[in-house]
Amino acid sequence: MRSKFLRLNTHDFVKGLIVVIFCTFITGFYQLIANRGVINCITIKPVVIAAIGSGVSYLTKNLLTNSKGQFMKSER
C-alpha cells in the first residue's frame, strides 16, 4: 500500500534504504577505481554525501507523492 500525501510508511524507508545501498555501492566502486584502490577519508566523503543525498531525495519524492502515485497532488 502506498503512503498518503505528506506521510511516509515503513515501506518507504525500506525502499529508501535499498536506494541508499545501491547508490553507495555504485559510488564506492567508482571511487575505488578512480583512486586506484586507495581508501581514505578523501575517497569515502563523496560516497557518504551521495548516499545521504540519494536517501533524502527518495524520501522527499515519496513524501510529496500521494497514494495514487501523483506528484504534488493531495488526497481526495
N, C-alpha and C. Protein backbone atom coordinates (compact mmCIF):
# COMPACT_ATOMS: atom_id res chain seq x y z
N MET A 1 0.83 -1.18 0.00
CA MET A 1 0.00 0.00 0.00
C MET A 1 0.88 1.25 0.00
N ARG A 2 0.55 2.19 -0.84
CA ARG A 2 1.30 3.44 -0.90
C ARG A 2 0.90 4.35 0.24
N SER A 3 1.82 5.19 0.65
CA SER A 3 1.52 6.14 1.72
C SER A 3 0.77 7.33 1.15
N LYS A 4 0.07 8.04 2.03
CA LYS A 4 -0.71 9.20 1.63
C LYS A 4 0.20 10.40 1.46
N PHE A 5 -0.37 11.45 0.88
CA PHE A 5 0.35 12.69 0.63
C PHE A 5 0.86 13.27 1.95
N LEU A 6 2.12 13.65 1.99
CA LEU A 6 2.83 14.22 3.15
C LEU A 6 2.95 13.24 4.31
N ARG A 7 2.95 11.95 4.01
CA ARG A 7 3.16 10.92 5.02
C ARG A 7 4.09 9.86 4.45
N LEU A 8 4.83 9.22 5.34
CA LEU A 8 5.71 8.12 4.96
C LEU A 8 5.36 6.90 5.79
N ASN A 9 5.52 5.71 5.20
CA ASN A 9 5.32 4.49 5.98
C ASN A 9 6.62 3.69 5.98
N THR A 10 6.60 2.54 6.61
CA THR A 10 7.83 1.75 6.73
C THR A 10 8.33 1.25 5.39
N HIS A 11 7.43 0.99 4.45
CA HIS A 11 7.87 0.55 3.12
C HIS A 11 8.70 1.63 2.43
N ASP A 12 8.33 2.88 2.64
CA ASP A 12 9.10 3.98 2.06
C ASP A 12 10.53 4.00 2.59
N PHE A 13 10.67 3.77 3.90
CA PHE A 13 12.01 3.76 4.49
C PHE A 13 12.82 2.54 4.04
N VAL A 14 12.16 1.40 3.89
CA VAL A 14 12.88 0.20 3.42
C VAL A 14 13.34 0.40 1.98
N LYS A 15 12.46 0.91 1.14
CA LYS A 15 12.84 1.16 -0.26
C LYS A 15 13.91 2.25 -0.34
N GLY A 16 13.82 3.25 0.53
CA GLY A 16 14.86 4.28 0.59
C GLY A 16 16.20 3.71 0.99
N LEU A 17 16.19 2.75 1.92
CA LEU A 17 17.43 2.09 2.33
C LEU A 17 18.03 1.30 1.17
N ILE A 18 17.19 0.66 0.37
CA ILE A 18 17.69 -0.07 -0.80
C ILE A 18 18.33 0.90 -1.79
N VAL A 19 17.71 2.05 -2.01
CA VAL A 19 18.28 3.06 -2.91
C VAL A 19 19.63 3.53 -2.38
N VAL A 20 19.72 3.76 -1.08
CA VAL A 20 20.98 4.20 -0.46
C VAL A 20 22.06 3.14 -0.64
N ILE A 21 21.73 1.87 -0.45
CA ILE A 21 22.71 0.80 -0.60
C ILE A 21 23.22 0.73 -2.04
N PHE A 22 22.32 0.80 -3.02
CA PHE A 22 22.75 0.78 -4.41
C PHE A 22 23.62 1.99 -4.75
N CYS A 23 23.22 3.16 -4.30
CA CYS A 23 23.99 4.37 -4.57
C CYS A 23 25.37 4.29 -3.93
N THR A 24 25.42 3.78 -2.70
CA THR A 24 26.70 3.65 -2.01
C THR A 24 27.61 2.68 -2.73
N PHE A 25 27.05 1.56 -3.17
CA PHE A 25 27.86 0.57 -3.89
C PHE A 25 28.40 1.14 -5.19
N ILE A 26 27.55 1.78 -5.97
CA ILE A 26 27.97 2.32 -7.27
C ILE A 26 29.00 3.43 -7.09
N THR A 27 28.73 4.37 -6.19
CA THR A 27 29.66 5.48 -5.97
C THR A 27 30.97 4.98 -5.36
N GLY A 28 30.87 4.05 -4.42
CA GLY A 28 32.08 3.49 -3.81
C GLY A 28 32.94 2.74 -4.80
N PHE A 29 32.30 1.97 -5.67
CA PHE A 29 33.04 1.23 -6.69
C PHE A 29 33.73 2.20 -7.65
N TYR A 30 33.04 3.27 -8.03
CA TYR A 30 33.65 4.27 -8.90
C TYR A 30 34.85 4.93 -8.22
N GLN A 31 34.69 5.31 -6.95
CA GLN A 31 35.79 5.95 -6.23
C GLN A 31 36.98 5.01 -6.08
N LEU A 32 36.70 3.75 -5.87
CA LEU A 32 37.78 2.76 -5.74
C LEU A 32 38.58 2.65 -7.04
N ILE A 33 37.87 2.62 -8.16
CA ILE A 33 38.55 2.55 -9.46
C ILE A 33 39.29 3.86 -9.76
N ALA A 34 38.65 5.00 -9.50
CA ALA A 34 39.24 6.29 -9.82
C ALA A 34 40.50 6.57 -9.01
N ASN A 35 40.57 6.05 -7.78
CA ASN A 35 41.72 6.30 -6.91
C ASN A 35 42.66 5.10 -6.82
N ARG A 36 42.56 4.21 -7.77
CA ARG A 36 43.45 3.05 -7.89
C ARG A 36 43.49 2.20 -6.62
N GLY A 37 42.33 2.02 -5.99
CA GLY A 37 42.24 1.13 -4.84
C GLY A 37 42.58 1.73 -3.50
N VAL A 38 42.84 3.03 -3.45
CA VAL A 38 43.19 3.68 -2.19
C VAL A 38 41.90 4.10 -1.48
N ILE A 39 41.76 3.65 -0.23
CA ILE A 39 40.59 4.02 0.57
C ILE A 39 41.07 4.88 1.74
N ASN A 40 40.56 6.11 1.80
CA ASN A 40 40.85 7.02 2.90
C ASN A 40 39.69 7.99 3.05
N CYS A 41 39.83 8.98 3.92
CA CYS A 41 38.74 9.94 4.16
C CYS A 41 38.36 10.70 2.89
N ILE A 42 39.32 10.99 2.07
CA ILE A 42 39.06 11.76 0.85
C ILE A 42 38.21 10.94 -0.13
N THR A 43 38.44 9.64 -0.19
CA THR A 43 37.65 8.81 -1.11
C THR A 43 36.31 8.39 -0.52
N ILE A 44 36.17 8.39 0.79
CA ILE A 44 34.92 7.99 1.43
C ILE A 44 33.90 9.14 1.46
N LYS A 45 34.37 10.37 1.55
CA LYS A 45 33.48 11.52 1.68
C LYS A 45 32.45 11.62 0.54
N PRO A 46 32.83 11.51 -0.74
CA PRO A 46 31.82 11.57 -1.81
C PRO A 46 30.81 10.42 -1.75
N VAL A 47 31.24 9.28 -1.25
CA VAL A 47 30.35 8.13 -1.13
C VAL A 47 29.27 8.43 -0.09
N VAL A 48 29.67 8.97 1.04
CA VAL A 48 28.73 9.30 2.10
C VAL A 48 27.77 10.40 1.66
N ILE A 49 28.28 11.41 1.00
CA ILE A 49 27.43 12.51 0.52
C ILE A 49 26.43 12.00 -0.51
N ALA A 50 26.86 11.17 -1.43
CA ALA A 50 25.95 10.62 -2.44
C ALA A 50 24.89 9.73 -1.81
N ALA A 51 25.27 8.94 -0.82
CA ALA A 51 24.32 8.05 -0.15
C ALA A 51 23.26 8.85 0.60
N ILE A 52 23.68 9.87 1.34
CA ILE A 52 22.72 10.71 2.07
C ILE A 52 21.82 11.46 1.10
N GLY A 53 22.40 11.99 0.06
CA GLY A 53 21.61 12.72 -0.93
C GLY A 53 20.58 11.85 -1.62
N SER A 54 20.96 10.64 -1.97
CA SER A 54 20.00 9.75 -2.64
C SER A 54 18.89 9.33 -1.70
N GLY A 55 19.21 9.07 -0.45
CA GLY A 55 18.18 8.68 0.52
C GLY A 55 17.20 9.81 0.79
N VAL A 56 17.72 11.02 0.99
CA VAL A 56 16.85 12.18 1.24
C VAL A 56 15.99 12.48 0.01
N SER A 57 16.57 12.36 -1.17
CA SER A 57 15.81 12.61 -2.41
C SER A 57 14.68 11.62 -2.57
N TYR A 58 14.95 10.35 -2.31
CA TYR A 58 13.92 9.32 -2.46
C TYR A 58 12.79 9.53 -1.45
N LEU A 59 13.14 9.81 -0.20
CA LEU A 59 12.11 10.03 0.81
C LEU A 59 11.31 11.30 0.54
N THR A 60 11.95 12.34 0.03
CA THR A 60 11.24 13.57 -0.33
C THR A 60 10.27 13.32 -1.46
N LYS A 61 10.69 12.55 -2.45
CA LYS A 61 9.79 12.21 -3.56
C LYS A 61 8.58 11.45 -3.05
N ASN A 62 8.79 10.49 -2.16
CA ASN A 62 7.67 9.72 -1.61
C ASN A 62 6.79 10.57 -0.69
N LEU A 63 7.38 11.52 -0.01
CA LEU A 63 6.62 12.40 0.87
C LEU A 63 5.67 13.28 0.06
N LEU A 64 6.08 13.68 -1.13
CA LEU A 64 5.29 14.58 -1.96
C LEU A 64 4.45 13.86 -3.01
N THR A 65 4.34 12.54 -2.91
CA THR A 65 3.53 11.75 -3.83
C THR A 65 2.37 11.15 -3.06
N ASN A 66 1.16 11.22 -3.64
CA ASN A 66 0.01 10.66 -2.93
C ASN A 66 -0.11 9.16 -3.16
N SER A 67 -1.16 8.55 -2.62
CA SER A 67 -1.31 7.09 -2.69
C SER A 67 -1.65 6.60 -4.10
N LYS A 68 -1.99 7.51 -5.00
CA LYS A 68 -2.26 7.13 -6.39
C LYS A 68 -1.04 7.33 -7.29
N GLY A 69 0.06 7.76 -6.72
CA GLY A 69 1.29 7.96 -7.48
C GLY A 69 1.38 9.31 -8.16
N GLN A 70 0.51 10.24 -7.80
CA GLN A 70 0.52 11.56 -8.40
C GLN A 70 1.40 12.49 -7.57
N PHE A 71 2.32 13.16 -8.24
CA PHE A 71 3.29 14.02 -7.56
C PHE A 71 2.66 15.38 -7.25
N MET A 72 2.81 15.84 -6.01
CA MET A 72 2.35 17.15 -5.53
C MET A 72 0.83 17.33 -5.65
N LYS A 73 0.07 16.26 -5.50
CA LYS A 73 -1.40 16.35 -5.50
C LYS A 73 -1.90 15.71 -4.22
N SER A 74 -2.76 16.41 -3.51
CA SER A 74 -3.27 15.89 -2.25
C SER A 74 -4.30 14.79 -2.45
N GLU A 75 -4.61 14.09 -1.36
CA GLU A 75 -5.62 13.05 -1.41
C GLU A 75 -7.00 13.68 -1.57
N ARG A 76 -7.89 12.97 -2.20
CA ARG A 76 -9.26 13.48 -2.35
C ARG A 76 -10.15 12.91 -1.31
